[in-house]
Protein backbone atom coordinates (compact mmCIF):
# COMPACT_ATOMS: atom_id res chain seq x y z
CA LEU A 1 0.00 0.00 0.00
CA GLY A 2 1.43 3.39 -0.96
CA TRP A 3 0.08 6.85 -0.30
CA GLN A 4 1.36 10.23 -1.45
CA ALA A 5 0.04 13.63 -0.49
CA SER A 6 0.92 16.98 -2.03
CA TYR A 7 0.07 20.30 -0.40
CA ILE A 8 0.07 23.52 -2.39
CA SER A 9 -0.31 26.67 -0.33
CA ALA A 10 -2.51 29.59 -1.24
CA SER A 11 -0.97 32.29 -3.39
CA THR A 12 -1.67 35.71 -4.80
CA ARG A 13 -0.17 36.52 -8.16
CA THR A 14 0.12 40.27 -7.71
CA ASN A 15 -0.94 43.10 -5.45
CA ASP A 16 -0.28 45.74 -8.12
CA VAL A 17 -3.64 47.48 -8.59
CA THR A 18 -2.67 48.59 -12.11
CA SER A 19 -2.16 44.99 -13.29
CA VAL A 20 -4.84 42.96 -15.07
CA ASN A 21 -3.90 40.15 -12.65
CA PHE A 22 -4.64 42.22 -9.53
CA GLY A 23 -6.24 40.02 -6.91
CA PHE A 24 -5.65 36.84 -8.90
CA SER A 25 -5.27 34.14 -6.27
CA THR A 26 -5.45 30.40 -5.80
CA PRO A 27 -6.56 28.67 -2.61
CA ALA A 28 -4.54 26.08 -0.72
CA VAL A 29 -5.22 22.50 -1.77
CA TRP A 30 -4.21 18.92 -0.93
CA PHE A 31 -3.86 16.20 -3.58
CA HIS A 32 -3.82 12.53 -2.48
CA ASP A 33 -2.69 9.49 -4.49
CA VAL A 34 -3.01 5.83 -3.42
CA GLN A 35 -1.55 2.69 -4.96
CA LEU A 36 -1.94 -0.98 -4.02
CA ARG A 37 0.53 -3.63 -5.19
CA TRP A 38 0.27 -7.39 -4.91
CA ALA A 39 3.22 -9.71 -5.46
CA LEU A 40 1.80 -12.88 -7.01
CA ALA A 41 5.20 -14.54 -7.23
CA ASP A 42 8.84 -13.46 -7.14
CA GLN A 43 8.64 -12.03 -10.63
CA HIS A 44 4.93 -11.20 -11.01
CA GLU A 45 3.06 -8.22 -9.62
CA VAL A 46 -0.29 -6.51 -10.17
CA PHE A 47 -1.13 -2.98 -9.12
CA PHE A 48 -4.07 -0.61 -8.86
CA GLY A 49 -3.87 3.12 -8.22
CA VAL A 50 -6.04 6.17 -7.79
CA ASP A 51 -4.54 9.62 -8.36
CA ASN A 52 -6.29 12.69 -6.95
CA VAL A 53 -8.51 10.53 -4.72
CA ALA A 54 -10.69 13.44 -3.56
CA ASP A 55 -11.13 14.70 -7.17
CA GLU A 56 -9.85 18.14 -6.12
CA TYR A 57 -9.72 21.08 -8.50
CA VAL A 58 -8.29 24.51 -7.97
CA PHE A 59 -10.51 27.33 -9.19
CA ILE A 60 -8.76 30.37 -10.58
CA GLY A 61 -9.65 33.82 -11.80
CA GLN A 62 -10.99 36.84 -9.99
CA ASN A 63 -14.42 35.25 -9.67
CA GLY A 64 -12.99 31.86 -8.71
CA ASP A 65 -15.16 30.18 -11.32
CA GLN A 66 -12.66 28.82 -13.85
CA ALA A 67 -11.38 25.29 -13.17
CA THR A 68 -7.73 24.53 -13.67
CA GLY A 69 -6.68 22.70 -16.79
CA TRP A 70 -3.70 22.04 -18.98
CA THR A 71 -3.08 25.76 -19.47
CA THR A 72 -2.98 26.54 -15.74
CA TYR A 73 0.42 25.39 -14.52
CA PRO A 74 -0.20 21.65 -15.12
CA GLU A 75 3.14 20.86 -13.52
CA VAL A 76 1.72 22.20 -10.23
CA TYR A 77 -2.06 21.81 -10.27
CA ASP A 78 -3.96 18.68 -11.22
CA GLY A 79 -6.22 19.75 -14.07
CA VAL A 80 -7.41 16.24 -14.94
CA GLY A 81 -9.18 15.15 -11.76
CA ARG A 82 -9.46 11.64 -10.37
CA ARG A 83 -7.93 8.92 -12.52
CA TYR A 84 -7.26 5.22 -12.17
CA THR A 85 -4.42 2.91 -13.16
CA LEU A 86 -4.41 -0.87 -13.34
CA GLY A 87 -1.53 -2.99 -14.51
CA ALA A 88 0.78 -5.94 -14.17
CA ARG A 89 4.54 -6.44 -14.22
CA LEU A 90 6.07 -9.68 -15.37
CA ARG A 91 9.81 -10.16 -15.06
CA PHE A 92 11.61 -12.87 -17.01
């Protein structure tokens, strides 16, 4: 059983009132991932995982109504939502 948690703190992009990004902020968020692995034999393994277990999204924009996506810092925020993996490893 494996579990990973990522915490991203709240941030404000700028406090410059002349900027079009004035007040642009993102809330703090936790992302949780879980993976189960079963060793069937010395060289055989199956696994199942769930990324973003809570299906968290970060809402951006001044109104807070635009969900994150691939154009909103995808290396930081999960713009896909909950997803599943299932697989097997066979070693010869």
